[in-house]
Amino acid sequence: MPDWVNGEQLTLLELLDQRLTRDPDGPFLDLCGIPYTAASLDAEADRVAGALHALGVGHGSTVATILENGPEAVVSWFAIHRLGAIAVPVNTALKGPLLRHVLADSQAAVVIVHDDLADRPIEVLEQVETLRHLVVVGEGRPVVSCSRGTRVHGWDELLAGTDVAPHVLVRPTDLGTIVYTGGTTGPSKGCALSHNYHLSIARQIISSWGRTPEDVVWSPLPLFHFNAISCMLTGTLISGGRAALSRRFSVSGFWPEINRTEATIASLLGSLAVMVARADDHPLAKNSGTAEANKSLRLLTGAPIPPEIDALYRDRFDITTFSNAYGATEASLISWLPPGRPGKTGSAGIVNAEAFDVRIFDDEDHEVPVGEPGEIVCRPKMPHVMFEGYWQRPQATVEAWRNLWFHTGDIGKVDDEGYLYFVDRKADYMRRRGENISSWELEKVFHEHPAVKDVCVHAVPSEVSEDDVKATLVLRDGSAVTEEEVCRWSIDHLPYYAVPRYFEFRAELPMSRTGRTTKNLLRDEGVTASTWDREAAGVKFERR
């Protein structure tokens, strides 16, 4: 058995207090072009915390946020924690049943939402019994009709409030955030994460990147994902230095934003890194030869980054990339590349033996020989460096910890030097542009279409890493709908990132002897001559 290690534990509030003591008025965050010092962020968070407390938010309460990147997402996050409450950052693309599930399951009484997204929680309001207050960011003030008398408040009212937030004792072991991950055999589950979890993953990232107080980290990644929270907020509090957040990513805006913010590190997804590397020449790009060419960027991070893209960054831009890591929301960084250790082509870095005991198991939970593939499992060597369990789902938590090992649902292998290699997914989920997508949830939505008799949603390889989504459908007798019509219907009913690129109608789905769809056969077939391609057909829609 590995030794149990008790490392330093802190809360997010203690991290902010340390920054306030060390550098209250120096540049801290650039939030979509709006500068914040630690002191100005603290003051706004304090006012919002007082207003939220007046709405009934207290220690252990859950507050959901449906916010695009911007000051409100960051201020509300710290305000929620100041009260000892639990932040529930919600993917802004969720709508309908998927959004209703997250709001109802999290038991949030307060939702903070941008005005152009407010129609989505309002649509499911009657089905979320706990929801009492809607805080709207922006000029719009929607009219809400609800039998429970849910009230609407403006964000400006919270900032202008005079209610004082009480002093609340928050411990490192207290829950700080619930992040929902796609379920494979049921609805999405909320990963309950402690304050110390935030600290642990940020420290590991800082070490991997060689981040210093002189660095400026830039990211366009949404704050409803843990990547941006760890790199932008927690990481900057720990390491010092500055961070800059953009509202969203665009290839054409990448180099202008890097230059504007003087970023030294860019935090992206692997798919976004591929797009930047392959983009046309830009006069602001590093090594472009122009007087305005970037001179600050030294490191670009994202996973996965294929070897040929890594070489392109080095040769074209003189920039180092970092993609040697593997993790899960439940377990932060299971593998990484510590400073001074060389990477290996195709690997996800070295097993994070400091924080985790990592093994490779067969289907009966026996450890396989070195170099053989099996399921990646782990358990912690330190307290509160993994999730505390699935929110309100004790049975699912027990199942994930079968034989006292957390089962990731991913297939991997470890070589004789401790390098981890991701091989495939054992669990039935897909990953597209950094989003985990549950085939179960998508199939449930497609079954609501009146023309659909049966459906299998599965992955096919993407041109820019990770997966694209394909829906293979069986129509009801007499149905005359087209693939494009089903696609446009799905745009109205699914998050934008989950809308399949590919559709194919078949007379029947392949089945096993036990009557289950054999998805592996459909995955192996991929795109066939009968497959309809949304992108080739020119079907476009708004990414929101």
Protein backbone atom coordinates (compact mmCIF):
# COMPACT_ATOMS: atom_id res chain seq x y z
CA MET A 1 0.00 0.00 0.00
CA PRO A 2 1.33 3.48 -0.82
CA ASP A 3 1.88 5.94 1.99
CA TRP A 4 -0.95 8.32 2.78
CA VAL A 5 0.30 11.91 2.43
CA ASN A 6 -1.26 14.91 4.15
CA GLY A 7 -0.43 17.95 2.02
CA GLU A 8 -1.31 21.57 2.77
CA GLN A 9 -5.03 22.18 2.40
CA LEU A 10 -6.63 25.56 1.73
CA THR A 11 -9.96 27.02 0.64
CA LEU A 12 -10.55 29.23 -2.38
CA LEU A 13 -11.29 32.11 -0.01
CA GLU A 14 -7.94 31.66 1.72
CA LEU A 15 -6.22 31.77 -1.66
CA LEU A 16 -7.94 35.06 -2.48
CA ASP A 17 -7.02 36.45 0.95
CA GLN A 18 -3.37 35.57 0.32
CA ARG A 19 -3.48 37.47 -2.98
CA LEU A 20 -5.12 40.43 -1.23
CA THR A 21 -2.32 40.48 1.35
CA ARG A 22 0.43 40.05 -1.23
CA ASP A 23 -0.80 42.30 -4.06
CA PRO A 24 -4.25 43.87 -3.59
CA ASP A 25 -4.06 46.55 -6.28
CA GLY A 26 -1.81 45.09 -8.96
CA PRO A 27 -3.14 43.72 -12.28
CA PHE A 28 -4.84 40.38 -11.64
CA LEU A 29 -7.51 39.41 -14.19
CA ASP A 30 -8.50 40.68 -17.62
CA LEU A 31 -12.10 39.53 -17.97
CA CYS A 32 -13.07 39.98 -21.61
CA GLY A 33 -11.30 43.33 -21.71
CA ILE A 34 -12.35 44.54 -18.24
CA PRO A 35 -9.41 44.77 -15.80
CA TYR A 36 -9.70 43.55 -12.21
CA THR A 37 -7.37 43.74 -9.26
CA ALA A 38 -7.73 41.34 -6.35
CA ALA A 39 -9.24 44.19 -4.32
CA SER A 40 -11.85 45.16 -6.93
CA LEU A 41 -12.86 41.53 -7.44
CA ASP A 42 -13.12 41.04 -3.69
CA ALA A 43 -15.31 44.12 -3.28
CA GLU A 44 -17.78 43.08 -5.99
CA ALA A 45 -17.89 39.50 -4.74
CA ASP A 46 -18.62 40.77 -1.23
CA ARG A 47 -21.59 42.87 -2.41
CA VAL A 48 -23.03 40.02 -4.47
CA ALA A 49 -22.55 37.61 -1.55
CA GLY A 50 -24.55 39.94 0.68
CA ALA A 51 -27.36 40.10 -1.87
CA LEU A 52 -27.38 36.32 -2.35
CA HIS A 53 -27.52 35.83 1.42
CA ALA A 54 -30.59 38.09 1.48
CA LEU A 55 -32.16 35.69 -1.05
CA GLY A 56 -31.62 32.80 1.36
CA VAL A 57 -28.27 31.44 0.15
CA GLY A 58 -26.15 30.03 2.97
CA HIS A 59 -23.61 27.37 3.85
CA GLY A 60 -24.31 24.23 1.82
CA SER A 61 -26.82 25.90 -0.54
CA THR A 62 -26.43 25.32 -4.26
CA VAL A 63 -26.44 28.22 -6.73
CA ALA A 64 -26.55 27.50 -10.47
CA THR A 65 -24.93 29.86 -12.98
CA ILE A 66 -25.75 29.86 -16.70
CA LEU A 67 -23.21 32.44 -17.80
CA GLU A 68 -20.94 33.06 -20.75
CA ASN A 69 -17.38 34.08 -19.96
CA GLY A 70 -17.21 37.52 -18.38
CA PRO A 71 -16.92 39.40 -15.07
CA GLU A 72 -20.26 38.12 -13.77
CA ALA A 73 -19.18 34.48 -14.01
CA VAL A 74 -16.05 35.14 -11.95
CA VAL A 75 -17.61 37.51 -9.41
CA SER A 76 -20.56 35.19 -8.76
CA TRP A 77 -18.22 32.21 -8.35
CA PHE A 78 -16.31 33.90 -5.53
CA ALA A 79 -19.51 35.34 -4.01
CA ILE A 80 -21.07 31.88 -3.79
CA HIS A 81 -18.00 30.46 -2.06
CA ARG A 82 -17.87 33.38 0.36
CA LEU A 83 -21.17 32.14 1.80
CA GLY A 84 -19.96 28.56 2.06
CA ALA A 85 -22.40 27.73 -0.73
CA ILE A 86 -21.77 25.38 -3.66
CA ALA A 87 -21.36 26.70 -7.21
CA VAL A 88 -23.06 24.76 -10.00
CA PRO A 89 -21.66 26.13 -13.30
CA VAL A 90 -24.05 25.00 -16.04
CA ASN A 91 -23.10 24.51 -19.67
CA THR A 92 -24.72 27.43 -21.49
CA ALA A 93 -25.68 25.18 -24.40
CA LEU A 94 -28.06 23.07 -22.29
CA LYS A 95 -31.77 23.44 -22.93
CA GLY A 96 -35.02 21.58 -22.39
CA PRO A 97 -34.86 18.23 -20.55
CA LEU A 98 -31.06 18.27 -20.17
CA LEU A 99 -31.14 21.67 -18.45
CA ARG A 100 -34.15 20.72 -16.35
CA HIS A 101 -32.30 17.66 -15.07
CA VAL A 102 -29.23 19.64 -13.96
CA LEU A 103 -31.26 22.37 -12.23
CA ALA A 104 -33.57 19.89 -10.51
CA ASP A 105 -30.84 17.45 -9.54
CA SER A 106 -28.60 20.18 -8.09
CA GLN A 107 -31.55 21.51 -6.03
CA ALA A 108 -30.61 25.11 -6.81
CA ALA A 109 -32.91 27.76 -5.35
CA VAL A 110 -31.10 30.57 -7.20
CA VAL A 111 -30.05 30.67 -10.86
CA ILE A 112 -27.85 33.44 -12.27
CA VAL A 113 -28.25 33.70 -16.05
CA HIS A 114 -27.47 36.03 -18.95
CA ASP A 115 -30.58 37.72 -20.34
CA ASP A 116 -30.24 36.13 -23.80
CA LEU A 117 -30.30 32.68 -22.17
CA ALA A 118 -33.01 33.36 -19.58
CA ASP A 119 -35.74 31.78 -21.68
CA ARG A 120 -34.17 28.35 -21.11
CA PRO A 121 -34.53 28.09 -17.31
CA ILE A 122 -37.90 29.86 -17.55
CA GLU A 123 -39.08 27.16 -19.94
CA VAL A 124 -38.46 24.43 -17.34
CA LEU A 125 -39.32 26.52 -14.27
CA GLU A 126 -42.46 24.63 -13.28
CA GLN A 127 -40.52 21.35 -13.33
CA VAL A 128 -37.78 22.56 -10.95
CA GLU A 129 -39.42 22.65 -7.54
CA THR A 130 -36.50 24.23 -5.67
CA LEU A 131 -36.04 27.26 -7.95
CA ARG A 132 -37.15 30.48 -6.24
CA HIS A 133 -34.97 33.27 -7.66
CA LEU A 134 -33.74 34.14 -11.14
CA VAL A 135 -30.91 36.70 -11.28
CA VAL A 136 -30.62 38.11 -14.81
CA VAL A 137 -27.41 39.65 -16.18
CA GLY A 138 -27.98 42.29 -18.85
CA GLU A 139 -30.67 44.73 -19.91
CA GLY A 140 -33.49 42.24 -20.40
CA ARG A 141 -36.01 41.53 -17.63
CA PRO A 142 -38.10 38.51 -18.58
CA VAL A 143 -41.62 38.12 -17.24
CA VAL A 144 -41.95 34.93 -15.24
CA SER A 145 -45.23 33.22 -14.52
CA CYS A 146 -44.80 30.44 -11.99
CA SER A 147 -47.20 28.89 -9.50
CA ARG A 148 -44.49 29.05 -6.82
CA GLY A 149 -43.92 32.78 -7.26
CA THR A 150 -40.34 32.66 -8.54
CA ARG A 151 -38.90 36.19 -8.47
CA VAL A 152 -36.67 37.92 -11.03
CA HIS A 153 -33.77 40.15 -9.95
CA GLY A 154 -31.27 42.20 -11.95
CA TRP A 155 -27.54 41.62 -11.57
CA ASP A 156 -27.09 45.37 -11.16
CA GLU A 157 -29.39 45.22 -8.14
CA LEU A 158 -27.09 42.69 -6.51
CA LEU A 159 -24.01 44.84 -7.17
CA ALA A 160 -25.76 47.93 -5.79
CA GLY A 161 -27.08 46.15 -2.70
CA THR A 162 -26.11 47.09 0.84
CA ASP A 163 -26.74 43.73 2.50
CA VAL A 164 -23.67 42.52 4.34
CA ALA A 165 -22.42 38.98 3.82
CA PRO A 166 -21.97 37.13 7.11
CA HIS A 167 -18.64 35.63 8.05
CA VAL A 168 -18.90 31.92 7.30
CA LEU A 169 -16.37 29.30 8.33
CA VAL A 170 -15.42 27.41 5.18
CA ARG A 171 -13.13 24.39 5.41
CA PRO A 172 -10.90 22.89 2.69
CA THR A 173 -13.00 19.72 2.88
CA ASP A 174 -16.28 21.56 2.21
CA LEU A 175 -17.88 21.16 -1.20
CA GLY A 176 -17.10 24.08 -3.49
CA THR A 177 -18.39 23.09 -6.91
CA ILE A 178 -20.64 20.54 -8.59
CA VAL A 179 -19.67 19.81 -12.19
CA TYR A 180 -22.03 17.66 -14.27
CA THR A 181 -20.53 14.97 -16.48
CA GLY A 182 -22.27 12.98 -19.18
CA GLY A 183 -23.84 9.74 -18.00
CA THR A 184 -23.36 6.59 -20.05
CA THR A 185 -26.36 4.56 -18.88
CA GLY A 186 -28.44 7.36 -17.37
CA PRO A 187 -28.68 11.12 -16.94
CA SER A 188 -25.67 13.31 -16.22
CA LYS A 189 -24.17 13.00 -12.74
CA GLY A 190 -22.88 15.85 -10.62
CA CYS A 191 -19.27 15.47 -9.47
CA ALA A 192 -19.06 16.96 -5.98
CA LEU A 193 -15.68 18.70 -5.64
CA SER A 194 -14.12 20.08 -2.47
CA HIS A 195 -12.22 23.35 -2.08
CA ASN A 196 -9.03 21.35 -1.70
CA TYR A 197 -9.68 19.55 -5.01
CA HIS A 198 -9.50 22.96 -6.74
CA LEU A 199 -6.16 23.62 -5.04
CA SER A 200 -4.72 20.20 -5.88
CA ILE A 201 -5.40 20.23 -9.62
CA ALA A 202 -4.22 23.83 -10.00
CA ARG A 203 -0.93 23.05 -8.27
CA GLN A 204 -0.32 20.11 -10.58
CA ILE A 205 -0.99 22.24 -13.66
CA ILE A 206 1.29 25.03 -12.41
CA SER A 207 4.10 22.54 -11.91
CA SER A 208 3.57 20.90 -15.31
CA TRP A 209 3.64 24.23 -17.13
CA GLY A 210 6.54 25.67 -15.16
CA ARG A 211 4.26 28.63 -14.47
CA THR A 212 5.80 31.63 -12.66
CA PRO A 213 4.54 34.98 -11.30
CA GLU A 214 5.81 36.57 -14.53
CA ASP A 215 3.43 34.54 -16.68
CA VAL A 216 0.16 35.73 -18.18
CA VAL A 217 -2.25 32.88 -18.95
CA TRP A 218 -4.86 33.48 -21.65
CA SER A 219 -7.88 31.26 -22.19
CA PRO A 220 -11.10 31.34 -24.23
CA LEU A 221 -12.38 28.17 -22.56
CA PRO A 222 -15.75 28.44 -20.78
CA LEU A 223 -15.81 28.82 -17.01
CA PHE A 224 -18.47 26.13 -16.72
CA HIS A 225 -15.64 23.65 -17.37
CA PHE A 226 -12.96 22.91 -14.83
CA ASN A 227 -10.07 23.59 -17.18
CA ALA A 228 -10.68 27.34 -17.19
CA ILE A 229 -11.46 27.44 -13.47
CA SER A 230 -8.20 25.68 -12.62
CA CYS A 231 -5.97 27.59 -15.04
CA MET A 232 -7.58 31.01 -14.93
CA LEU A 233 -8.75 31.45 -11.36
CA THR A 234 -7.26 28.98 -8.89
CA GLY A 235 -3.95 28.71 -10.73
CA THR A 236 -3.46 32.47 -10.87
CA LEU A 237 -4.21 32.83 -7.16
CA ILE A 238 -1.59 30.20 -6.32
CA SER A 239 1.19 31.11 -8.75
CA GLY A 240 0.77 34.86 -8.86
CA GLY A 241 0.94 36.72 -12.13
CA ARG A 242 -2.03 37.51 -14.32
CA ALA A 243 -4.70 35.78 -16.36
CA ALA A 244 -6.87 36.92 -19.26
CA LEU A 245 -10.23 35.47 -20.28
CA SER A 246 -11.90 35.84 -23.67
CA ARG A 247 -15.62 35.44 -24.18
CA ARG A 248 -15.12 32.73 -26.77
CA PHE A 249 -12.56 31.28 -29.19
CA SER A 250 -12.02 32.33 -32.78
CA VAL A 251 -9.12 31.42 -35.03
CA SER A 252 -8.93 34.92 -36.51
CA GLY A 253 -8.96 36.50 -33.06
CA PHE A 254 -6.31 34.27 -31.50
CA TRP A 255 -3.18 36.29 -32.27
CA PRO A 256 -4.81 39.71 -31.68
CA GLU A 257 -5.92 38.53 -28.22
CA ILE A 258 -2.50 37.07 -27.41
CA ASN A 259 -0.90 40.39 -28.34
CA ARG A 260 -3.48 42.52 -26.51
CA THR A 261 -3.07 40.60 -23.26
CA GLU A 262 0.68 39.94 -23.61
CA ALA A 263 -0.03 36.28 -22.85
CA THR A 264 2.92 33.96 -22.28
CA ILE A 265 0.76 30.81 -21.98
CA ALA A 266 -2.34 29.97 -24.02
CA SER A 267 -4.72 27.38 -22.57
CA LEU A 268 -6.74 25.66 -25.30
CA LEU A 269 -8.28 22.33 -26.22
CA GLY A 270 -6.45 19.99 -28.55
CA SER A 271 -8.96 20.59 -31.34
CA LEU A 272 -8.56 24.38 -31.05
CA ALA A 273 -4.77 24.03 -31.05
CA VAL A 274 -5.02 22.14 -34.34
CA MET A 275 -7.08 24.97 -35.88
CA VAL A 276 -4.57 27.65 -34.84
CA ALA A 277 -1.62 25.64 -36.13
CA ARG A 278 -3.24 25.09 -39.52
CA ALA A 279 -4.61 28.61 -39.94
CA ASP A 280 -3.46 30.98 -42.67
CA ASP A 281 -0.56 33.31 -41.95
CA HIS A 282 -1.41 36.20 -39.63
CA PRO A 283 0.70 39.38 -39.38
CA LEU A 284 0.49 39.27 -35.56
CA ALA A 285 1.57 35.62 -35.33
CA LYS A 286 4.85 34.83 -33.67
CA ASN A 287 7.68 34.54 -36.22
CA SER A 288 5.55 36.20 -38.93
CA GLY A 289 8.39 38.62 -39.69
CA THR A 290 6.29 41.77 -39.24
CA ALA A 291 7.02 44.55 -36.77
CA GLU A 292 3.81 43.70 -34.89
CA ALA A 293 4.58 39.98 -34.61
CA ASN A 294 3.95 38.45 -31.20
CA LYS A 295 6.94 38.08 -28.93
CA SER A 296 5.33 36.98 -25.66
CA LEU A 297 3.81 33.51 -26.20
CA ARG A 298 6.09 30.69 -25.04
CA LEU A 299 3.73 27.78 -24.29
CA LEU A 300 0.49 26.49 -25.76
CA THR A 301 -1.42 23.83 -23.85
CA GLY A 302 -4.19 21.44 -24.85
CA ALA A 303 -4.88 17.77 -25.22
CA PRO A 304 -4.62 15.85 -27.38
CA ILE A 305 -2.09 17.57 -29.66
CA PRO A 306 -0.87 15.19 -32.40
CA PRO A 307 2.92 14.96 -32.93
CA GLU A 308 2.73 16.65 -36.33
CA ILE A 309 0.88 19.62 -34.81
CA ASP A 310 3.43 19.85 -32.00
CA ALA A 311 6.18 19.99 -34.63
CA LEU A 312 4.27 22.68 -36.51
CA TYR A 313 4.15 24.91 -33.43
CA ARG A 314 7.85 24.50 -32.81
CA ASP A 315 8.90 25.05 -36.42
CA ARG A 316 6.39 27.70 -37.45
CA PHE A 317 5.98 29.72 -34.23
CA ASP A 318 8.91 28.70 -32.00
CA ILE A 319 6.36 27.74 -29.33
CA THR A 320 6.46 24.74 -27.00
CA THR A 321 3.27 22.73 -26.53
CA PHE A 322 2.04 20.79 -23.51
CA SER A 323 -0.42 17.96 -24.01
CA ASN A 324 1.06 15.21 -21.86
CA ALA A 325 -1.76 14.75 -19.38
CA TYR A 326 -4.77 12.56 -18.72
CA GLY A 327 -7.49 13.17 -16.19
CA ALA A 328 -11.15 13.04 -15.32
CA THR A 329 -13.43 15.42 -13.48
CA GLU A 330 -13.62 12.84 -10.73
CA ALA A 331 -9.84 12.52 -10.36
CA SER A 332 -8.11 15.64 -11.72
CA LEU A 333 -4.71 14.77 -13.26
CA ILE A 334 -4.15 11.01 -13.22
CA SER A 335 -1.06 11.42 -15.39
CA TRP A 336 1.09 14.44 -16.22
CA LEU A 337 4.59 15.47 -17.21
CA PRO A 338 6.60 16.76 -14.23
CA PRO A 339 9.28 19.38 -14.88
CA GLY A 340 12.47 17.86 -16.25
CA ARG A 341 10.86 14.66 -17.52
CA PRO A 342 10.86 14.17 -21.30
CA GLY A 343 7.63 13.41 -23.09
CA LYS A 344 7.06 10.27 -25.14
CA THR A 345 5.25 10.33 -28.44
CA GLY A 346 1.68 9.14 -28.01
CA SER A 347 1.79 9.13 -24.21
CA ALA A 348 -0.32 11.14 -21.78
CA GLY A 349 2.67 11.76 -19.55
CA ILE A 350 3.75 9.86 -16.46
CA VAL A 351 1.44 8.34 -13.88
CA ASN A 352 0.85 10.95 -11.16
CA ALA A 353 2.29 8.77 -8.39
CA GLU A 354 2.48 11.70 -5.98
CA ALA A 355 -1.29 11.99 -5.68
CA PHE A 356 -2.67 8.68 -6.98
CA ASP A 357 -2.17 4.96 -7.03
CA VAL A 358 -2.91 4.13 -10.69
CA ARG A 359 -3.35 0.60 -12.06
CA ILE A 360 -4.53 -1.09 -15.25
CA PHE A 361 -7.21 -3.75 -14.63
CA ASP A 362 -8.95 -6.39 -16.70
CA ASP A 363 -12.73 -6.87 -16.60
CA GLU A 364 -12.47 -8.88 -13.36
CA ASP A 365 -10.38 -6.16 -11.64
CA HIS A 366 -7.13 -8.11 -11.87
CA GLU A 367 -4.05 -6.06 -12.68
CA VAL A 368 -2.71 -6.74 -16.18
CA PRO A 369 1.01 -7.06 -17.06
CA VAL A 370 3.05 -3.95 -17.86
CA GLY A 371 2.34 -2.73 -21.38
CA GLU A 372 -0.96 -4.61 -21.71
CA PRO A 373 -4.19 -2.61 -22.23
CA GLY A 374 -6.97 -2.57 -19.65
CA GLU A 375 -9.20 -0.17 -17.76
CA ILE A 376 -7.49 2.76 -16.04
CA VAL A 377 -8.35 2.74 -12.32
CA CYS A 378 -7.02 4.83 -9.46
CA ARG A 379 -7.36 5.79 -5.82
CA PRO A 380 -5.89 8.74 -3.92
CA LYS A 381 -2.77 8.94 -1.81
CA MET A 382 -3.84 12.29 -0.37
CA PRO A 383 -7.14 13.44 1.16
CA HIS A 384 -9.61 15.39 -0.99
CA VAL A 385 -7.70 15.30 -4.28
CA MET A 386 -10.56 13.40 -5.92
CA PHE A 387 -14.28 14.04 -6.07
CA GLU A 388 -16.31 13.45 -2.92
CA GLY A 389 -18.86 11.38 -4.81
CA TYR A 390 -21.72 11.89 -7.25
CA TRP A 391 -24.18 14.46 -5.93
CA GLN A 392 -27.31 12.76 -4.53
CA ARG A 393 -26.25 9.44 -6.11
CA PRO A 394 -24.68 7.17 -3.48
CA GLN A 395 -25.34 4.02 -5.49
CA ALA A 396 -23.57 5.40 -8.57
CA THR A 397 -20.66 6.44 -6.36
CA VAL A 398 -20.35 2.92 -4.94
CA GLU A 399 -20.48 1.41 -8.43
CA ALA A 400 -17.73 3.73 -9.69
CA TRP A 401 -15.55 2.67 -6.72
CA ARG A 402 -15.91 -1.07 -7.35
CA ASN A 403 -13.46 -3.01 -5.17
CA LEU A 404 -12.33 0.32 -3.69
CA TRP A 405 -10.83 1.52 -6.98
CA PHE A 406 -12.28 4.35 -9.04
CA HIS A 407 -12.99 3.02 -12.53
CA THR A 408 -12.51 5.69 -15.20
CA GLY A 409 -14.28 3.86 -18.02
CA ASP A 410 -11.22 4.39 -20.23
CA ILE A 411 -8.80 1.84 -21.66
CA GLY A 412 -5.09 2.54 -21.33
CA LYS A 413 -1.70 0.96 -20.76
CA VAL A 414 1.42 1.85 -18.75
CA ASP A 415 4.96 1.10 -19.95
CA ASP A 416 7.93 0.06 -17.82
CA GLU A 417 8.92 3.71 -17.24
CA GLY A 418 5.52 4.70 -15.90
CA TYR A 419 4.23 6.49 -19.02
CA LEU A 420 0.46 6.21 -19.51
CA TYR A 421 -1.09 5.73 -22.94
CA PHE A 422 -4.78 6.33 -23.64
CA VAL A 423 -6.09 3.58 -25.92
CA ASP A 424 -9.88 3.84 -26.17
CA ARG A 425 -13.06 4.43 -24.25
CA LYS A 426 -14.67 1.54 -22.46
CA ALA A 427 -17.60 3.64 -21.30
CA ASP A 428 -20.26 4.65 -23.79
CA TYR A 429 -19.56 8.36 -24.19
CA MET A 430 -18.04 10.64 -26.80
CA ARG A 431 -15.82 13.70 -26.58
CA ARG A 432 -16.18 16.50 -29.09
CA ARG A 433 -14.37 19.86 -28.89
CA GLY A 434 -13.69 19.28 -25.21
CA GLU A 435 -17.28 18.34 -24.33
CA ASN A 436 -18.17 14.92 -22.94
CA ILE A 437 -21.33 13.75 -24.70
CA SER A 438 -23.60 11.02 -23.41
CA SER A 439 -25.00 8.82 -26.17
CA TRP A 440 -27.73 7.74 -23.71
CA GLU A 441 -28.96 11.31 -23.28
CA LEU A 442 -28.93 12.00 -27.02
CA GLU A 443 -30.76 8.78 -27.83
CA LYS A 444 -33.40 9.67 -25.23
CA VAL A 445 -34.01 12.99 -27.02
CA PHE A 446 -34.13 11.43 -30.50
CA HIS A 447 -36.74 8.93 -29.30
CA GLU A 448 -39.06 11.91 -28.79
CA HIS A 449 -39.12 12.55 -32.56
CA PRO A 450 -42.40 11.12 -33.90
CA ALA A 451 -40.73 9.56 -36.95
CA VAL A 452 -37.95 7.77 -35.06
CA LYS A 453 -38.48 4.12 -34.15
CA ASP A 454 -34.95 3.36 -32.93
CA VAL A 455 -31.63 5.16 -32.78
CA CYS A 456 -27.99 4.61 -31.95
CA VAL A 457 -25.75 7.62 -31.34
CA HIS A 458 -22.05 6.84 -31.59
CA ALA A 459 -18.64 8.34 -32.31
CA VAL A 460 -16.76 8.52 -35.59
CA PRO A 461 -13.21 9.89 -35.92
CA SER A 462 -12.93 13.67 -36.27
CA GLU A 463 -10.62 15.51 -38.65
CA VAL A 464 -9.38 17.77 -35.79
CA SER A 465 -8.90 15.16 -33.02
CA GLU A 466 -11.40 13.66 -30.58
CA ASP A 467 -14.78 12.58 -32.01
CA ASP A 468 -17.56 13.63 -34.32
CA VAL A 469 -21.09 12.44 -33.56
CA LYS A 470 -23.20 10.21 -35.78
CA ALA A 471 -26.84 9.22 -35.36
CA THR A 472 -27.87 5.97 -37.02
CA LEU A 473 -31.67 5.82 -37.07
CA VAL A 474 -34.51 3.46 -37.90
CA LEU A 475 -37.69 5.27 -38.98
CA ARG A 476 -41.25 4.25 -38.26
CA ASP A 477 -43.17 2.64 -41.10
CA GLY A 478 -44.54 5.24 -43.47
CA SER A 479 -42.27 8.05 -42.26
CA ALA A 480 -41.06 10.32 -45.03
CA VAL A 481 -38.70 12.66 -43.18
CA THR A 482 -35.24 13.40 -44.54
CA GLU A 483 -31.93 13.37 -42.73
CA GLU A 484 -31.80 17.16 -42.95
CA GLU A 485 -35.23 17.50 -41.34
CA VAL A 486 -34.19 15.28 -38.43
CA CYS A 487 -30.96 17.25 -38.14
CA ARG A 488 -32.78 20.60 -37.98
CA TRP A 489 -35.16 19.15 -35.38
CA SER A 490 -32.17 18.09 -33.27
CA ILE A 491 -30.73 21.63 -33.45
CA ASP A 492 -33.83 22.84 -31.59
CA HIS A 493 -33.68 20.08 -28.98
CA LEU A 494 -29.97 19.49 -28.27
CA PRO A 495 -27.01 21.55 -27.06
CA TYR A 496 -25.17 22.88 -30.11
CA TYR A 497 -22.05 20.81 -29.42
CA ALA A 498 -24.08 17.57 -29.29
CA VAL A 499 -25.90 17.99 -32.62
CA PRO A 500 -24.64 15.09 -34.76
CA ARG A 501 -22.61 15.92 -37.83
CA TYR A 502 -23.60 12.65 -39.50
CA PHE A 503 -27.02 10.99 -39.95
CA GLU A 504 -27.84 7.67 -41.54
CA PHE A 505 -31.18 5.88 -41.97
CA ARG A 506 -31.23 2.07 -41.85
CA ALA A 507 -33.84 -0.63 -41.93
CA GLU A 508 -32.55 -2.02 -38.61
CA LEU A 509 -29.72 -1.64 -36.12
CA PRO A 510 -27.15 -4.41 -35.55
CA MET A 511 -28.01 -6.34 -32.39
CA SER A 512 -26.18 -8.75 -30.10
CA ARG A 513 -27.67 -12.07 -28.99
CA THR A 514 -28.93 -10.35 -25.84
CA GLY A 515 -30.82 -7.75 -27.87
CA ARG A 516 -28.45 -4.82 -27.31
CA THR A 517 -27.27 -2.57 -30.11
CA THR A 518 -23.70 -3.46 -31.06
CA LYS A 519 -22.33 0.08 -31.18
CA ASN A 520 -18.80 -1.09 -31.79
CA LEU A 521 -19.82 -2.30 -35.25
CA LEU A 522 -21.33 1.07 -36.11
CA ARG A 523 -18.27 2.88 -34.75
CA ASP A 524 -15.99 0.68 -36.84
CA GLU A 525 -18.06 1.34 -39.99
CA GLY A 526 -17.87 5.10 -39.39
CA VAL A 527 -18.96 7.26 -42.31
CA THR A 528 -20.41 5.13 -45.13
CA ALA A 529 -21.62 5.87 -48.64
CA SER A 530 -25.16 6.22 -47.23
CA THR A 531 -24.21 8.73 -44.52
CA TRP A 532 -25.58 12.28 -44.73
CA ASP A 533 -23.07 14.98 -43.65
CA ARG A 534 -24.45 18.16 -42.04
CA GLU A 535 -21.35 20.19 -42.88
CA ALA A 536 -21.25 19.04 -46.50
CA ALA A 537 -24.95 19.95 -46.80
CA GLY A 538 -24.22 23.47 -45.55
CA VAL A 539 -26.53 23.34 -42.53
CA LYS A 540 -25.43 26.02 -40.06
CA PHE A 541 -26.73 27.09 -36.66
CA GLU A 542 -25.81 29.37 -33.79
CA ARG A 543 -23.35 28.05 -31.22
CA ARG A 544 -25.39 28.82 -28.10
